Amino acid sequence: MDISALIANIRILHQHTFAAVDTWFDKPANLRGYSPLNGGWSIDQILEHIGLTNHFLLILIDKGTQKALNKSTQVDLEDALSSYNFLQEKLDQVGVHLSFPWVRPEHMEPLGHKTLLEVRQQLQAQLQQCLDTLDRLKNGEGVLYQTTMTVNDLGKIDVYQYLYFLAQHAKRHVGQMEKVELEFLAIPN
């Protein structure tokens, strides 16, 4: 696997996904506040949820990054990269809304404690944090540390896969927001 190409792809995925998420902040307030008929979240709540989930994922990513960098001084990185397997297919499923059952932890449910501006700024800072992490792991060090991810039975995934997961999770919710918008637009005025 070409680790430089993988890192570049993850970087592009983050930039595109976070840009797509950011467009939702500029939608009309009545659309963003609309609660779908199925009892699901409004767009404002989805945006807050993305920021909350990113917050907790980035704690794990930061710890994993440091452990991977520490480990890189003790192991043969080239050897680790020669047998590297990126879980592309399973990770891509994370980006598709309703592609598999997903039970989220209670602490990732939106509570409305942040303003829309605060959520937007949080997401912008989180994007930068992800890009900075990729810069720190530019030589492939991210493959050296794994943490268990139970979502979609991913099992042990490395730091690059966690970063990819984070972006795919946000992409999943872009799809959800698109569905909320379609329902909203179908309501007779």
N, C-alpha and C. Protein backbone atom coordinates (compact mmCIF):
# COMPACT_ATOMS: atom_id res chain seq x y z
N MET A 1 0.85 -1.19 0.00
CA MET A 1 0.00 0.00 0.00
C MET A 1 0.88 1.24 0.00
N ASP A 2 0.53 2.21 -0.81
CA ASP A 2 1.24 3.49 -0.86
C ASP A 2 0.69 4.38 0.25
N ILE A 3 1.44 4.48 1.33
CA ILE A 3 0.95 5.21 2.51
C ILE A 3 0.79 6.70 2.22
N SER A 4 1.63 7.26 1.38
CA SER A 4 1.51 8.68 1.03
C SER A 4 0.19 8.95 0.32
N ALA A 5 -0.19 8.05 -0.59
CA ALA A 5 -1.46 8.20 -1.31
C ALA A 5 -2.63 8.05 -0.34
N LEU A 6 -2.53 7.11 0.59
CA LEU A 6 -3.60 6.93 1.57
C LEU A 6 -3.77 8.19 2.42
N ILE A 7 -2.68 8.74 2.90
CA ILE A 7 -2.74 9.95 3.72
C ILE A 7 -3.34 11.11 2.91
N ALA A 8 -2.94 11.23 1.66
CA ALA A 8 -3.49 12.28 0.79
C ALA A 8 -4.99 12.08 0.60
N ASN A 9 -5.42 10.84 0.43
CA ASN A 9 -6.85 10.56 0.25
C ASN A 9 -7.65 10.88 1.51
N ILE A 10 -7.09 10.56 2.66
CA ILE A 10 -7.77 10.88 3.93
C ILE A 10 -7.87 12.39 4.10
N ARG A 11 -6.82 13.10 3.74
CA ARG A 11 -6.82 14.56 3.83
C ARG A 11 -7.93 15.15 2.93
N ILE A 12 -8.00 14.68 1.71
CA ILE A 12 -9.02 15.17 0.77
C ILE A 12 -10.42 14.83 1.27
N LEU A 13 -10.59 13.61 1.78
CA LEU A 13 -11.90 13.22 2.33
C LEU A 13 -12.31 14.16 3.46
N HIS A 14 -11.39 14.50 4.35
CA HIS A 14 -11.71 15.42 5.43
C HIS A 14 -12.09 16.80 4.89
N GLN A 15 -11.30 17.31 3.99
CA GLN A 15 -11.58 18.64 3.46
C GLN A 15 -12.94 18.70 2.76
N HIS A 16 -13.24 17.71 1.95
CA HIS A 16 -14.51 17.68 1.22
C HIS A 16 -15.69 17.47 2.16
N THR A 17 -15.54 16.54 3.11
CA THR A 17 -16.64 16.22 4.01
C THR A 17 -16.93 17.39 4.95
N PHE A 18 -15.90 17.97 5.53
CA PHE A 18 -16.12 19.10 6.43
C PHE A 18 -16.69 20.30 5.67
N ALA A 19 -16.28 20.48 4.42
CA ALA A 19 -16.85 21.56 3.60
C ALA A 19 -18.33 21.30 3.34
N ALA A 20 -18.68 20.03 3.07
CA ALA A 20 -20.09 19.69 2.84
C ALA A 20 -20.91 19.92 4.11
N VAL A 21 -20.36 19.55 5.26
CA VAL A 21 -21.06 19.77 6.54
C VAL A 21 -21.24 21.27 6.76
N ASP A 22 -20.21 22.04 6.48
CA ASP A 22 -20.26 23.48 6.75
C ASP A 22 -21.37 24.19 5.98
N THR A 23 -21.72 23.71 4.80
CA THR A 23 -22.78 24.37 4.01
C THR A 23 -24.12 24.36 4.74
N TRP A 24 -24.33 23.40 5.63
CA TRP A 24 -25.61 23.28 6.32
C TRP A 24 -25.83 24.40 7.34
N PHE A 25 -24.78 25.02 7.79
CA PHE A 25 -24.92 26.14 8.73
C PHE A 25 -25.57 27.35 8.07
N ASP A 26 -25.47 27.44 6.75
CA ASP A 26 -26.01 28.58 6.01
C ASP A 26 -27.44 28.35 5.50
N LYS A 27 -27.99 27.19 5.80
CA LYS A 27 -29.37 26.91 5.39
C LYS A 27 -30.33 27.73 6.25
N PRO A 28 -31.55 27.96 5.77
CA PRO A 28 -32.53 28.75 6.55
C PRO A 28 -32.80 28.12 7.92
N ALA A 29 -33.03 28.97 8.90
CA ALA A 29 -33.25 28.52 10.29
C ALA A 29 -34.45 27.59 10.41
N ASN A 30 -35.52 27.86 9.63
CA ASN A 30 -36.70 27.00 9.75
C ASN A 30 -36.42 25.59 9.22
N LEU A 31 -35.58 25.46 8.22
CA LEU A 31 -35.16 24.14 7.75
C LEU A 31 -34.28 23.48 8.80
N ARG A 32 -33.28 24.20 9.29
CA ARG A 32 -32.35 23.62 10.27
C ARG A 32 -33.06 23.19 11.56
N GLY A 33 -34.13 23.85 11.91
CA GLY A 33 -34.85 23.54 13.14
C GLY A 33 -35.96 22.52 12.98
N TYR A 34 -36.22 22.11 11.74
CA TYR A 34 -37.31 21.18 11.46
C TYR A 34 -36.98 19.79 12.01
N SER A 35 -37.92 19.22 12.79
CA SER A 35 -37.77 17.85 13.29
C SER A 35 -38.54 16.90 12.37
N PRO A 36 -37.87 15.90 11.83
CA PRO A 36 -38.53 14.99 10.89
C PRO A 36 -39.68 14.21 11.56
N LEU A 37 -40.59 13.76 10.74
CA LEU A 37 -41.78 13.06 11.22
C LEU A 37 -41.45 11.75 11.94
N ASN A 38 -40.32 11.14 11.62
CA ASN A 38 -39.93 9.88 12.26
C ASN A 38 -39.36 10.09 13.66
N GLY A 39 -39.37 11.34 14.13
CA GLY A 39 -38.84 11.63 15.47
C GLY A 39 -37.34 11.82 15.50
N GLY A 40 -36.71 11.83 14.32
CA GLY A 40 -35.26 12.00 14.25
C GLY A 40 -34.82 13.41 14.59
N TRP A 41 -33.55 13.64 14.51
CA TRP A 41 -32.96 14.92 14.85
C TRP A 41 -33.17 15.96 13.77
N SER A 42 -33.21 17.21 14.21
CA SER A 42 -33.18 18.34 13.28
C SER A 42 -31.76 18.48 12.75
N ILE A 43 -31.61 19.30 11.73
CA ILE A 43 -30.28 19.54 11.16
C ILE A 43 -29.37 20.18 12.21
N ASP A 44 -29.88 21.13 12.98
CA ASP A 44 -29.07 21.73 14.05
C ASP A 44 -28.59 20.68 15.03
N GLN A 45 -29.45 19.74 15.38
CA GLN A 45 -29.05 18.67 16.30
C GLN A 45 -28.02 17.74 15.67
N ILE A 46 -28.19 17.45 14.39
CA ILE A 46 -27.22 16.60 13.69
C ILE A 46 -25.86 17.28 13.67
N LEU A 47 -25.83 18.57 13.38
CA LEU A 47 -24.55 19.31 13.36
C LEU A 47 -23.89 19.24 14.73
N GLU A 48 -24.67 19.44 15.79
CA GLU A 48 -24.11 19.35 17.14
C GLU A 48 -23.58 17.95 17.41
N HIS A 49 -24.33 16.93 16.99
CA HIS A 49 -23.91 15.54 17.19
C HIS A 49 -22.58 15.25 16.49
N ILE A 50 -22.41 15.76 15.27
CA ILE A 50 -21.15 15.54 14.56
C ILE A 50 -20.00 16.11 15.38
N GLY A 51 -20.16 17.33 15.89
CA GLY A 51 -19.11 17.94 16.72
C GLY A 51 -18.84 17.16 17.99
N LEU A 52 -19.90 16.67 18.64
CA LEU A 52 -19.73 15.86 19.86
C LEU A 52 -18.98 14.57 19.57
N THR A 53 -19.40 13.88 18.53
CA THR A 53 -18.76 12.62 18.18
C THR A 53 -17.30 12.85 17.81
N ASN A 54 -17.04 13.87 17.01
CA ASN A 54 -15.66 14.20 16.66
C ASN A 54 -14.83 14.45 17.91
N HIS A 55 -15.41 15.16 18.87
CA HIS A 55 -14.69 15.47 20.12
C HIS A 55 -14.18 14.18 20.78
N PHE A 56 -15.06 13.20 20.92
CA PHE A 56 -14.67 11.96 21.59
C PHE A 56 -13.74 11.11 20.72
N LEU A 57 -13.98 11.09 19.41
CA LEU A 57 -13.07 10.35 18.53
C LEU A 57 -11.68 10.97 18.53
N LEU A 58 -11.62 12.30 18.57
CA LEU A 58 -10.31 12.97 18.54
C LEU A 58 -9.52 12.74 19.82
N ILE A 59 -10.19 12.49 20.92
CA ILE A 59 -9.46 12.12 22.14
C ILE A 59 -8.72 10.81 21.90
N LEU A 60 -9.43 9.84 21.32
CA LEU A 60 -8.80 8.54 21.01
C LEU A 60 -7.73 8.69 19.95
N ILE A 61 -8.00 9.50 18.94
CA ILE A 61 -7.03 9.72 17.86
C ILE A 61 -5.77 10.37 18.40
N ASP A 62 -5.91 11.37 19.26
CA ASP A 62 -4.73 12.03 19.83
C ASP A 62 -3.89 11.07 20.66
N LYS A 63 -4.54 10.26 21.49
CA LYS A 63 -3.81 9.27 22.29
C LYS A 63 -3.12 8.26 21.39
N GLY A 64 -3.85 7.79 20.37
CA GLY A 64 -3.29 6.83 19.43
C GLY A 64 -2.12 7.40 18.65
N THR A 65 -2.23 8.66 18.29
CA THR A 65 -1.15 9.33 17.55
C THR A 65 0.13 9.35 18.37
N GLN A 66 0.01 9.73 19.62
CA GLN A 66 1.19 9.79 20.48
C GLN A 66 1.79 8.41 20.68
N LYS A 67 0.94 7.42 20.90
CA LYS A 67 1.44 6.05 21.09
C LYS A 67 2.09 5.52 19.82
N ALA A 68 1.51 5.84 18.67
CA ALA A 68 2.09 5.41 17.39
C ALA A 68 3.45 6.06 17.17
N LEU A 69 3.55 7.36 17.46
CA LEU A 69 4.83 8.05 17.30
C LEU A 69 5.88 7.49 18.26
N ASN A 70 5.49 7.21 19.48
CA ASN A 70 6.42 6.60 20.44
C ASN A 70 6.88 5.23 19.96
N LYS A 71 5.96 4.45 19.43
CA LYS A 71 6.28 3.11 18.96
C LYS A 71 7.17 3.14 17.73
N SER A 72 7.08 4.22 16.95
CA SER A 72 7.84 4.29 15.70
C SER A 72 9.35 4.30 15.94
N THR A 73 9.76 4.64 17.14
CA THR A 73 11.20 4.63 17.45
C THR A 73 11.68 3.25 17.86
N GLN A 74 10.74 2.31 18.06
CA GLN A 74 11.09 0.99 18.57
C GLN A 74 10.87 -0.14 17.58
N VAL A 75 10.21 0.14 16.46
CA VAL A 75 9.89 -0.92 15.49
C VAL A 75 10.35 -0.51 14.09
N ASP A 76 10.34 -1.48 13.20
CA ASP A 76 10.68 -1.24 11.81
C ASP A 76 9.41 -0.80 11.07
N LEU A 77 9.29 0.49 10.81
CA LEU A 77 8.10 1.04 10.17
C LEU A 77 7.91 0.46 8.78
N GLU A 78 8.97 0.31 8.02
CA GLU A 78 8.86 -0.24 6.66
C GLU A 78 8.27 -1.66 6.68
N ASP A 79 8.67 -2.44 7.67
CA ASP A 79 8.15 -3.79 7.80
C ASP A 79 6.64 -3.75 8.11
N ALA A 80 6.25 -2.86 9.01
CA ALA A 80 4.83 -2.72 9.35
C ALA A 80 4.01 -2.28 8.14
N LEU A 81 4.56 -1.38 7.35
CA LEU A 81 3.85 -0.87 6.16
C LEU A 81 3.75 -1.93 5.06
N SER A 82 4.70 -2.84 5.01
CA SER A 82 4.71 -3.84 3.94
C SER A 82 3.53 -4.81 4.06
N SER A 83 3.00 -4.99 5.26
CA SER A 83 1.88 -5.91 5.44
C SER A 83 0.59 -5.18 5.83
N TYR A 84 0.54 -3.89 5.55
CA TYR A 84 -0.59 -3.05 5.99
C TYR A 84 -1.84 -3.31 5.17
N ASN A 85 -2.98 -3.38 5.86
CA ASN A 85 -4.27 -3.59 5.21
C ASN A 85 -5.25 -2.53 5.71
N PHE A 86 -5.72 -1.67 4.83
CA PHE A 86 -6.68 -0.63 5.17
C PHE A 86 -8.09 -1.18 4.91
N LEU A 87 -8.97 -1.08 5.89
CA LEU A 87 -10.31 -1.66 5.82
C LEU A 87 -11.28 -0.78 5.02
N GLN A 88 -10.95 -0.51 3.80
CA GLN A 88 -11.68 0.43 2.95
C GLN A 88 -13.17 0.15 2.88
N GLU A 89 -13.55 -1.07 2.56
CA GLU A 89 -14.95 -1.38 2.32
C GLU A 89 -15.80 -1.19 3.58
N LYS A 90 -15.35 -1.72 4.70
CA LYS A 90 -16.12 -1.59 5.94
C LYS A 90 -16.16 -0.14 6.42
N LEU A 91 -15.08 0.58 6.23
CA LEU A 91 -15.05 1.98 6.64
C LEU A 91 -15.93 2.84 5.73
N ASP A 92 -15.99 2.51 4.46
CA ASP A 92 -16.86 3.27 3.55
C ASP A 92 -18.33 3.10 3.91
N GLN A 93 -18.71 1.95 4.44
CA GLN A 93 -20.10 1.72 4.86
C GLN A 93 -20.51 2.70 5.96
N VAL A 94 -19.55 3.13 6.77
CA VAL A 94 -19.83 4.08 7.84
C VAL A 94 -20.39 5.38 7.26
N GLY A 95 -19.99 5.74 6.05
CA GLY A 95 -20.40 7.00 5.44
C GLY A 95 -21.79 6.99 4.81
N VAL A 96 -22.48 5.85 4.85
CA VAL A 96 -23.79 5.74 4.22
C VAL A 96 -24.87 5.68 5.30
N HIS A 97 -25.76 6.66 5.30
CA HIS A 97 -26.82 6.72 6.30
C HIS A 97 -27.69 5.47 6.24
N LEU A 98 -27.92 4.86 7.39
CA LEU A 98 -28.75 3.67 7.56
C LEU A 98 -28.19 2.42 6.87
N SER A 99 -26.89 2.36 6.63
CA SER A 99 -26.30 1.20 5.96
C SER A 99 -26.17 -0.01 6.90
N PHE A 100 -26.24 0.23 8.19
CA PHE A 100 -26.21 -0.84 9.19
C PHE A 100 -26.74 -0.26 10.50
N PRO A 101 -27.19 -1.13 11.42
CA PRO A 101 -27.70 -0.62 12.70
C PRO A 101 -26.58 0.04 13.49
N TRP A 102 -26.91 1.12 14.15
CA TRP A 102 -25.90 1.88 14.88
C TRP A 102 -26.52 2.41 16.16
N VAL A 103 -25.99 1.97 17.28
CA VAL A 103 -26.44 2.48 18.57
C VAL A 103 -25.37 3.41 19.10
N ARG A 104 -25.71 4.69 19.21
CA ARG A 104 -24.71 5.66 19.64
C ARG A 104 -24.75 5.78 21.17
N PRO A 105 -23.62 6.07 21.78
CA PRO A 105 -23.60 6.30 23.22
C PRO A 105 -24.38 7.56 23.59
N GLU A 106 -24.95 7.55 24.77
CA GLU A 106 -25.78 8.66 25.23
C GLU A 106 -25.02 9.99 25.25
N HIS A 107 -23.73 9.93 25.58
CA HIS A 107 -22.96 11.18 25.69
C HIS A 107 -22.70 11.84 24.34
N MET A 108 -23.12 11.21 23.26
CA MET A 108 -22.96 11.81 21.93
C MET A 108 -24.29 12.35 21.39
N GLU A 109 -25.31 12.39 22.23
CA GLU A 109 -26.60 12.93 21.81
C GLU A 109 -26.61 14.44 22.01
N PRO A 110 -27.12 15.17 21.03
CA PRO A 110 -27.13 16.63 21.13
C PRO A 110 -28.08 17.13 22.23
N LEU A 111 -27.60 18.11 22.97
CA LEU A 111 -28.40 18.66 24.07
C LEU A 111 -28.73 20.13 23.87
N GLY A 112 -28.17 20.76 22.82
CA GLY A 112 -28.46 22.16 22.54
C GLY A 112 -27.71 23.13 23.45
N HIS A 113 -26.60 22.70 24.01
CA HIS A 113 -25.84 23.56 24.92
C HIS A 113 -24.95 24.56 24.19
N LYS A 114 -24.71 24.34 22.90
CA LYS A 114 -23.85 25.24 22.13
C LYS A 114 -24.68 26.00 21.11
N THR A 115 -24.24 27.22 20.83
CA THR A 115 -24.88 27.99 19.77
C THR A 115 -24.44 27.42 18.43
N LEU A 116 -25.17 27.77 17.39
CA LEU A 116 -24.82 27.31 16.05
C LEU A 116 -23.41 27.79 15.67
N LEU A 117 -23.08 29.02 16.04
CA LEU A 117 -21.75 29.55 15.75
C LEU A 117 -20.67 28.74 16.49
N GLU A 118 -20.93 28.39 17.73
CA GLU A 118 -19.96 27.60 18.50
C GLU A 118 -19.76 26.22 17.88
N VAL A 119 -20.84 25.61 17.41
CA VAL A 119 -20.73 24.30 16.75
C VAL A 119 -19.93 24.42 15.46
N ARG A 120 -20.19 25.46 14.69
CA ARG A 120 -19.45 25.68 13.44
C ARG A 120 -17.96 25.88 13.71
N GLN A 121 -17.65 26.69 14.70
CA GLN A 121 -16.25 26.93 15.04
C GLN A 121 -15.59 25.66 15.55
N GLN A 122 -16.33 24.87 16.32
CA GLN A 122 -15.81 23.60 16.82
C GLN A 122 -15.45 22.68 15.65
N LEU A 123 -16.34 22.58 14.68
CA LEU A 123 -16.09 21.71 13.53
C LEU A 123 -14.89 22.20 12.72
N GLN A 124 -14.75 23.52 12.56
CA GLN A 124 -13.61 24.06 11.84
C GLN A 124 -12.30 23.73 12.56
N ALA A 125 -12.30 23.85 13.87
CA ALA A 125 -11.12 23.51 14.67
C ALA A 125 -10.83 22.01 14.59
N GLN A 126 -11.87 21.21 14.57
CA GLN A 126 -11.68 19.76 14.49
C GLN A 126 -11.09 19.34 13.15
N LEU A 127 -11.51 19.99 12.09
CA LEU A 127 -10.91 19.71 10.78
C LEU A 127 -9.42 20.00 10.84
N GLN A 128 -9.05 21.15 11.37
CA GLN A 128 -7.64 21.50 11.46
C GLN A 128 -6.87 20.49 12.31
N GLN A 129 -7.50 20.03 13.39
CA GLN A 129 -6.87 19.03 14.25
C GLN A 129 -6.62 17.73 13.48
N CYS A 130 -7.57 17.32 12.67
CA CYS A 130 -7.40 16.11 11.85
C CYS A 130 -6.26 16.28 10.85
N LEU A 131 -6.23 17.43 10.19
CA LEU A 131 -5.17 17.69 9.20
C LEU A 131 -3.80 17.76 9.87
N ASP A 132 -3.75 18.37 11.05
CA ASP A 132 -2.49 18.42 11.80
C ASP A 132 -2.02 17.02 12.20
N THR A 133 -2.97 16.17 12.56
CA THR A 133 -2.62 14.79 12.93
C THR A 133 -2.03 14.06 11.73
N LEU A 134 -2.63 14.25 10.57
CA LEU A 134 -2.06 13.63 9.36
C LEU A 134 -0.65 14.12 9.09
N ASP A 135 -0.40 15.41 9.35
CA ASP A 135 0.95 15.95 9.19
C ASP A 135 1.93 15.29 10.16
N ARG A 136 1.47 15.06 11.38
CA ARG A 136 2.33 14.44 12.40
C ARG A 136 2.65 12.98 12.05
N LEU A 137 1.74 12.34 11.32
CA LEU A 137 1.90 10.92 10.97
C LEU A 137 2.22 10.75 9.49
N LYS A 138 3.01 11.65 8.95
CA LYS A 138 3.24 11.73 7.50
C LYS A 138 4.05 10.57 6.92
N ASN A 139 4.74 9.81 7.76
CA ASN A 139 5.59 8.74 7.25
C ASN A 139 4.98 7.35 7.36
N GLY A 140 3.75 7.28 7.86
CA GLY A 140 3.10 5.98 8.01
C GLY A 140 3.01 5.50 9.45
N GLU A 141 3.44 6.34 10.39
CA GLU A 141 3.46 5.93 11.79
C GLU A 141 2.08 5.55 12.32
N GLY A 142 1.03 6.09 11.71
CA GLY A 142 -0.32 5.83 12.18
C GLY A 142 -0.74 4.37 12.13
N VAL A 143 -0.03 3.53 11.38
CA VAL A 143 -0.36 2.10 11.31
C VAL A 143 0.11 1.35 12.55
N LEU A 144 0.94 1.98 13.35
CA LEU A 144 1.61 1.27 14.45
C LEU A 144 0.80 1.14 15.73
N TYR A 145 -0.33 1.82 15.82
CA TYR A 145 -1.12 1.70 17.04
C TYR A 145 -2.59 1.48 16.67
N GLN A 146 -3.20 0.50 17.30
CA GLN A 146 -4.59 0.16 17.02
C GLN A 146 -5.43 0.24 18.30
N THR A 147 -6.70 0.60 18.10
CA THR A 147 -7.68 0.66 19.18
C THR A 147 -8.95 0.00 18.65
N THR A 148 -9.70 -0.62 19.54
CA THR A 148 -10.91 -1.31 19.13
C THR A 148 -12.03 -0.33 18.80
N MET A 149 -12.70 -0.61 17.68
CA MET A 149 -13.88 0.15 17.26
C MET A 149 -14.99 -0.87 17.06
N THR A 150 -16.06 -0.75 17.86
CA THR A 150 -17.14 -1.73 17.80
C THR A 150 -18.13 -1.44 16.67
N VAL A 151 -18.21 -0.20 16.21
CA VAL A 151 -19.16 0.16 15.16
C VAL A 151 -18.89 -0.67 13.90
N ASN A 152 -19.94 -1.24 13.34
CA ASN A 152 -19.88 -2.05 12.12
C ASN A 152 -18.87 -3.20 12.24
N ASP A 153 -18.66 -3.67 13.46
CA ASP A 153 -17.74 -4.78 13.74
C ASP A 153 -16.35 -4.54 13.13
N LEU A 154 -15.87 -3.31 13.24
CA LEU A 154 -14.57 -2.99 12.65
C LEU A 154 -13.42 -3.67 13.39
N GLY A 155 -13.56 -3.86 14.69
CA GLY A 155 -12.48 -4.48 15.44
C GLY A 155 -11.35 -3.50 15.70
N LYS A 156 -10.12 -3.99 15.66
CA LYS A 156 -8.97 -3.13 15.91
C LYS A 156 -8.64 -2.33 14.65
N ILE A 157 -8.63 -1.01 14.81
CA ILE A 157 -8.27 -0.15 13.68
C ILE A 157 -7.18 0.82 14.13
N ASP A 158 -6.37 1.24 13.16
CA ASP A 158 -5.24 2.12 13.47
C ASP A 158 -5.67 3.58 13.39
N VAL A 159 -4.71 4.46 13.59
CA VAL A 159 -5.01 5.90 13.67
C VAL A 159 -5.54 6.43 12.33
N TYR A 160 -4.98 5.98 11.22
CA TYR A 160 -5.48 6.43 9.91
C TYR A 160 -6.93 5.99 9.72
N GLN A 161 -7.22 4.77 10.12
CA GLN A 161 -8.58 4.26 9.98
C GLN A 161 -9.54 5.02 10.90
N TYR A 162 -9.08 5.40 12.08
CA TYR A 162 -9.91 6.23 12.96
C TYR A 162 -10.20 7.58 12.33
N LEU A 163 -9.19 8.18 11.72
CA LEU A 163 -9.40 9.46 11.05
C LEU A 163 -10.38 9.31 9.88
N TYR A 164 -10.22 8.25 9.14
CA TYR A 164 -11.13 7.97 8.02
C TYR A 164 -12.54 7.75 8.54
N PHE A 165 -12.66 7.00 9.63
CA PHE A 165 -13.95 6.76 10.26
C PHE A 165 -14.62 8.08 10.65
N LEU A 166 -13.86 8.98 11.25
CA LEU A 166 -14.40 10.27 11.68
C LEU A 166 -15.02 11.01 10.49
N ALA A 167 -14.31 11.05 9.38
CA ALA A 167 -14.83 11.74 8.19
C ALA A 167 -16.05 11.01 7.63
N GLN A 168 -16.01 9.69 7.63
CA GLN A 168 -17.14 8.92 7.11
C GLN A 168 -18.38 9.10 7.99
N HIS A 169 -18.17 9.21 9.29
CA HIS A 169 -19.29 9.45 10.20
C HIS A 169 -19.96 10.77 9.85
N ALA A 170 -19.17 11.80 9.62
CA ALA A 170 -19.74 13.11 9.24
C ALA A 170 -20.46 13.00 7.89
N LYS A 171 -19.88 12.26 6.97
CA LYS A 171 -20.48 12.06 5.65
C LYS A 171 -21.83 11.36 5.78
N ARG A 172 -21.91 10.40 6.68
CA ARG A 172 -23.15 9.68 6.96
C ARG A 172 -24.25 10.67 7.34
N HIS A 173 -23.87 11.65 8.18
CA HIS A 173 -24.86 12.61 8.65
C HIS A 173 -25.20 13.68 7.61
N VAL A 174 -24.31 13.90 6.65
CA VAL A 174 -24.68 14.77 5.51
C VAL A 174 -25.84 14.11 4.78
N GLY A 175 -25.75 12.80 4.58
CA GLY A 175 -26.86 12.07 3.95
C GLY A 175 -28.14 12.18 4.76
N GLN A 176 -28.02 12.12 6.07
CA GLN A 176 -29.19 12.26 6.93
C GLN A 176 -29.80 13.66 6.81
N MET A 177 -28.94 14.68 6.79
CA MET A 177 -29.44 16.05 6.66
C MET A 177 -30.13 16.26 5.31
N GLU A 178 -29.60 15.63 4.27
CA GLU A 178 -30.24 15.72 2.95
C GLU A 178 -31.65 15.13 2.99
N LYS A 179 -31.83 14.04 3.72
CA LYS A 179 -33.15 13.42 3.85
C LYS A 179 -34.10 14.33 4.63
N VAL A 180 -33.60 14.96 5.69
CA VAL A 180 -34.44 15.89 6.45
C VAL A 180 -34.86 17.05 5.56
N GLU A 181 -33.94 17.56 4.76
CA GLU A 181 -34.26 18.66 3.85
C GLU A 181 -35.32 18.26 2.83
N LEU A 182 -35.19 17.07 2.26
CA LEU A 182 -36.18 16.60 1.29
C LEU A 182 -37.57 16.50 1.93
N GLU A 183 -37.62 15.99 3.14
CA GLU A 183 -38.91 15.88 3.83
C GLU A 183 -39.49 17.28 4.09
N PHE A 184 -38.64 18.19 4.54
CA PHE A 184 -39.05 19.56 4.83
C PHE A 184 -39.62 20.24 3.56
N LEU A 185 -38.92 20.06 2.45
CA LEU A 185 -39.33 20.70 1.19
C LEU A 185 -40.60 20.09 0.63
N ALA A 186 -40.94 18.85 1.03
CA ALA A 186 -42.14 18.20 0.54
C ALA A 186 -43.40 18.61 1.30
N ILE A 187 -43.22 19.31 2.42
CA ILE A 187 -44.37 19.75 3.21
C ILE A 187 -45.07 20.90 2.48
N PRO A 188 -46.39 20.78 2.29
CA PRO A 188 -47.11 21.86 1.62
C PRO A 188 -47.05 23.15 2.45
N ASN A 189 -46.91 24.26 1.80
CA ASN A 189 -46.81 25.54 2.52
C ASN A 189 -48.14 25.99 3.02
